[in-house]
N, C-alpha and C. Protein backbone atom coordinates (compact mmCIF):
# COMPACT_ATOMS: atom_id res chain seq x y z
N THR A 1 135.15 35.47 122.35
CA THR A 1 133.94 35.00 121.71
C THR A 1 134.15 34.87 120.20
N SER A 2 133.13 34.46 119.52
CA SER A 2 133.26 34.26 118.07
C SER A 2 133.37 35.58 117.31
N ILE A 3 132.76 36.64 117.83
CA ILE A 3 132.86 37.94 117.16
C ILE A 3 134.29 38.45 117.22
N THR A 4 134.95 38.25 118.35
CA THR A 4 136.35 38.68 118.48
C THR A 4 137.23 37.93 117.50
N LEU A 5 137.01 36.63 117.38
CA LEU A 5 137.78 35.83 116.43
C LEU A 5 137.53 36.29 114.99
N ALA A 6 136.28 36.59 114.67
CA ALA A 6 135.96 37.07 113.33
C ALA A 6 136.64 38.41 113.06
N GLN A 7 136.66 39.29 114.05
CA GLN A 7 137.31 40.59 113.88
C GLN A 7 138.81 40.44 113.68
N LEU A 8 139.42 39.52 114.41
CA LEU A 8 140.86 39.28 114.24
C LEU A 8 141.17 38.74 112.85
N MET A 9 140.36 37.82 112.37
CA MET A 9 140.57 37.27 111.03
C MET A 9 140.35 38.32 109.94
N LEU A 10 139.35 39.17 110.13
CA LEU A 10 139.11 40.24 109.16
C LEU A 10 140.26 41.24 109.16
N ALA A 11 140.79 41.55 110.34
CA ALA A 11 141.93 42.47 110.42
C ALA A 11 143.15 41.87 109.73
N LEU A 12 143.36 40.57 109.89
CA LEU A 12 144.47 39.90 109.22
C LEU A 12 144.28 39.94 107.70
N ALA A 13 143.06 39.70 107.25
CA ALA A 13 142.78 39.76 105.81
C ALA A 13 143.02 41.16 105.27
N MET A 14 142.63 42.18 106.04
CA MET A 14 142.85 43.55 105.59
C MET A 14 144.33 43.87 105.50
N ALA A 15 145.12 43.34 106.42
CA ALA A 15 146.57 43.56 106.36
C ALA A 15 147.16 42.92 105.11
N LEU A 16 146.68 41.73 104.75
CA LEU A 16 147.18 41.07 103.55
C LEU A 16 146.75 41.82 102.28
N TYR A 17 145.52 42.33 102.28
CA TYR A 17 145.07 43.13 101.13
C TYR A 17 145.88 44.41 101.00
N LEU A 18 146.21 45.02 102.13
CA LEU A 18 147.03 46.23 102.10
C LEU A 18 148.41 45.92 101.52
N LEU A 19 148.97 44.78 101.88
CA LEU A 19 150.26 44.36 101.33
C LEU A 19 150.16 44.19 99.81
N ARG A 20 149.07 43.59 99.35
CA ARG A 20 148.88 43.41 97.90
C ARG A 20 148.71 44.76 97.20
N MET A 21 148.03 45.69 97.85
CA MET A 21 147.87 47.02 97.24
C MET A 21 149.21 47.73 97.12
N LEU A 22 150.07 47.57 98.07
CA LEU A 22 151.36 48.25 98.05
C LEU A 22 152.35 47.60 97.11
N ARG A 23 152.31 46.27 97.00
CA ARG A 23 153.32 45.55 96.22
C ARG A 23 152.91 45.27 94.79
N GLY A 24 151.63 45.27 94.48
CA GLY A 24 151.20 45.09 93.10
C GLY A 24 151.20 43.64 92.65
N PRO A 25 151.82 43.27 91.59
CA PRO A 25 152.74 44.00 90.73
C PRO A 25 152.04 44.84 89.66
N ARG A 26 150.79 44.53 89.32
CA ARG A 26 150.11 45.30 88.27
C ARG A 26 149.02 46.17 88.89
N ALA A 27 148.56 47.12 88.11
CA ALA A 27 147.49 48.01 88.59
C ALA A 27 146.19 47.23 88.82
N GLN A 28 145.95 46.23 87.99
CA GLN A 28 144.74 45.43 88.16
C GLN A 28 144.75 44.69 89.50
N ASP A 29 145.92 44.20 89.91
CA ASP A 29 146.03 43.54 91.21
C ASP A 29 145.72 44.51 92.34
N ARG A 30 146.16 45.73 92.19
CA ARG A 30 145.91 46.74 93.22
C ARG A 30 144.43 47.09 93.31
N VAL A 31 143.75 47.16 92.17
CA VAL A 31 142.32 47.48 92.16
C VAL A 31 141.53 46.35 92.81
N VAL A 32 141.85 45.11 92.49
CA VAL A 32 141.15 43.98 93.10
C VAL A 32 141.40 43.95 94.61
N ALA A 33 142.63 44.24 95.02
CA ALA A 33 142.94 44.29 96.45
C ALA A 33 142.18 45.41 97.14
N LEU A 34 142.02 46.54 96.46
CA LEU A 34 141.25 47.65 97.03
C LEU A 34 139.79 47.26 97.19
N ASP A 35 139.22 46.58 96.21
CA ASP A 35 137.83 46.12 96.32
C ASP A 35 137.67 45.16 97.50
N ALA A 36 138.57 44.21 97.60
CA ALA A 36 138.51 43.26 98.71
C ALA A 36 138.72 43.97 100.05
N PHE A 37 139.57 45.00 100.05
CA PHE A 37 139.86 45.75 101.28
C PHE A 37 138.61 46.47 101.78
N TYR A 38 137.90 47.13 100.89
CA TYR A 38 136.72 47.86 101.37
C TYR A 38 135.58 46.91 101.74
N VAL A 39 135.45 45.79 101.07
CA VAL A 39 134.42 44.82 101.46
C VAL A 39 134.75 44.23 102.83
N THR A 40 136.01 43.93 103.07
CA THR A 40 136.41 43.41 104.37
C THR A 40 136.24 44.47 105.45
N GLY A 41 136.52 45.72 105.10
CA GLY A 41 136.28 46.81 106.05
C GLY A 41 134.81 46.93 106.41
N MET A 42 133.94 46.72 105.42
CA MET A 42 132.51 46.74 105.69
C MET A 42 132.12 45.61 106.64
N LEU A 43 132.68 44.43 106.41
CA LEU A 43 132.38 43.31 107.30
C LEU A 43 132.88 43.57 108.71
N LEU A 44 134.04 44.20 108.82
CA LEU A 44 134.57 44.54 110.14
C LEU A 44 133.65 45.54 110.85
N LEU A 45 133.14 46.51 110.12
CA LEU A 45 132.20 47.46 110.73
C LEU A 45 130.90 46.78 111.14
N ILE A 46 130.45 45.81 110.37
CA ILE A 46 129.23 45.09 110.74
C ILE A 46 129.45 44.30 112.03
N THR A 47 130.61 43.66 112.16
CA THR A 47 130.87 42.93 113.41
C THR A 47 131.00 43.89 114.59
N LEU A 48 131.55 45.08 114.36
CA LEU A 48 131.59 46.08 115.43
C LEU A 48 130.17 46.52 115.82
N GLY A 49 129.31 46.68 114.83
CA GLY A 49 127.93 47.05 115.11
C GLY A 49 127.19 45.98 115.90
N VAL A 50 127.44 44.72 115.57
CA VAL A 50 126.81 43.63 116.31
C VAL A 50 127.34 43.59 117.74
N ARG A 51 128.63 43.79 117.89
CA ARG A 51 129.25 43.74 119.22
C ARG A 51 128.75 44.87 120.13
N THR A 52 128.66 46.09 119.59
CA THR A 52 128.28 47.24 120.41
C THR A 52 126.79 47.53 120.39
N ASP A 53 126.04 46.83 119.55
CA ASP A 53 124.60 47.03 119.40
C ASP A 53 124.28 48.47 119.03
N SER A 54 125.05 48.99 118.06
CA SER A 54 124.88 50.36 117.60
C SER A 54 124.57 50.36 116.11
N THR A 55 123.62 51.20 115.71
CA THR A 55 123.25 51.28 114.29
C THR A 55 124.19 52.19 113.51
N LEU A 56 125.01 52.95 114.19
CA LEU A 56 125.93 53.86 113.52
C LEU A 56 126.89 53.11 112.59
N TYR A 57 127.35 51.96 113.01
CA TYR A 57 128.28 51.17 112.19
C TYR A 57 127.60 50.66 110.92
N PHE A 58 126.33 50.33 111.01
CA PHE A 58 125.62 49.85 109.83
C PHE A 58 125.42 50.97 108.81
N GLU A 59 125.18 52.17 109.30
CA GLU A 59 125.06 53.32 108.39
C GLU A 59 126.39 53.63 107.72
N ALA A 60 127.47 53.54 108.48
CA ALA A 60 128.79 53.75 107.90
C ALA A 60 129.10 52.69 106.85
N THR A 61 128.64 51.48 107.08
CA THR A 61 128.84 50.40 106.11
C THR A 61 128.13 50.71 104.79
N LEU A 62 126.94 51.26 104.86
CA LEU A 62 126.22 51.62 103.64
C LEU A 62 126.96 52.70 102.86
N ILE A 63 127.50 53.67 103.55
CA ILE A 63 128.25 54.74 102.88
C ILE A 63 129.51 54.18 102.23
N ILE A 64 130.21 53.30 102.93
CA ILE A 64 131.41 52.68 102.35
C ILE A 64 131.04 51.85 101.13
N ALA A 65 129.91 51.17 101.17
CA ALA A 65 129.48 50.37 100.01
C ALA A 65 129.24 51.26 98.80
N LEU A 66 128.58 52.38 99.00
CA LEU A 66 128.31 53.29 97.88
C LEU A 66 129.60 53.88 97.32
N LEU A 67 130.46 54.35 98.20
CA LEU A 67 131.73 54.94 97.74
C LEU A 67 132.64 53.89 97.12
N GLY A 68 132.64 52.69 97.68
CA GLY A 68 133.47 51.63 97.13
C GLY A 68 133.03 51.21 95.74
N PHE A 69 131.72 51.12 95.53
CA PHE A 69 131.23 50.77 94.20
C PHE A 69 131.59 51.85 93.19
N ALA A 70 131.40 53.10 93.56
CA ALA A 70 131.72 54.20 92.64
C ALA A 70 133.21 54.23 92.32
N SER A 71 134.05 53.98 93.31
CA SER A 71 135.49 53.99 93.05
C SER A 71 135.90 52.80 92.19
N SER A 72 135.25 51.66 92.37
CA SER A 72 135.56 50.50 91.54
C SER A 72 135.21 50.76 90.08
N VAL A 73 134.07 51.38 89.85
CA VAL A 73 133.67 51.71 88.48
C VAL A 73 134.64 52.71 87.87
N ALA A 74 135.00 53.74 88.63
CA ALA A 74 135.92 54.76 88.12
C ALA A 74 137.30 54.17 87.82
N LEU A 75 137.81 53.34 88.71
CA LEU A 75 139.12 52.74 88.48
C LEU A 75 139.08 51.77 87.30
N GLY A 76 137.98 51.03 87.16
CA GLY A 76 137.84 50.14 86.02
C GLY A 76 137.83 50.89 84.70
N LYS A 77 137.08 52.00 84.66
CA LYS A 77 137.06 52.82 83.44
C LYS A 77 138.44 53.40 83.15
N PHE A 78 139.12 53.83 84.19
CA PHE A 78 140.44 54.41 83.99
C PHE A 78 141.43 53.37 83.47
N LEU A 79 141.38 52.16 83.98
CA LEU A 79 142.30 51.12 83.52
C LEU A 79 141.96 50.67 82.10
N MET A 80 140.68 50.69 81.73
CA MET A 80 140.30 50.25 80.39
C MET A 80 140.57 51.32 79.34
N ARG A 81 140.23 52.59 79.64
CA ARG A 81 140.27 53.64 78.63
C ARG A 81 141.31 54.71 78.88
N GLY A 82 141.82 54.78 80.09
CA GLY A 82 142.79 55.82 80.41
C GLY A 82 142.16 57.13 80.83
N GLU A 83 140.82 57.15 80.92
CA GLU A 83 140.12 58.35 81.36
C GLU A 83 138.87 57.92 82.12
N VAL A 84 138.44 58.76 83.05
CA VAL A 84 137.26 58.45 83.84
C VAL A 84 136.03 59.14 83.26
N ILE A 85 136.18 60.42 82.95
CA ILE A 85 135.07 61.20 82.41
C ILE A 85 135.31 61.40 80.92
N GLU A 86 134.30 61.05 80.14
CA GLU A 86 134.45 61.15 78.68
C GLU A 86 134.12 62.52 78.18
């Protein structure tokens, strides 16, 4: 079905983002790949929730969104200033 195809494409995208995180070449590339990785992971969880008709996946997606945003801000501050907490 179309959900299966979407899940396969999202898994492929996550594999490519993981490759970018491991290979770099710069720290900024790794941070952008990490952001894309967690957003794609959220989309994968949403498709799993639609497929299984379970709200648990949607709640997990909200938690990942909150943690992903916080980590993006922390990594951005670290790359700009060299410290997270002032």
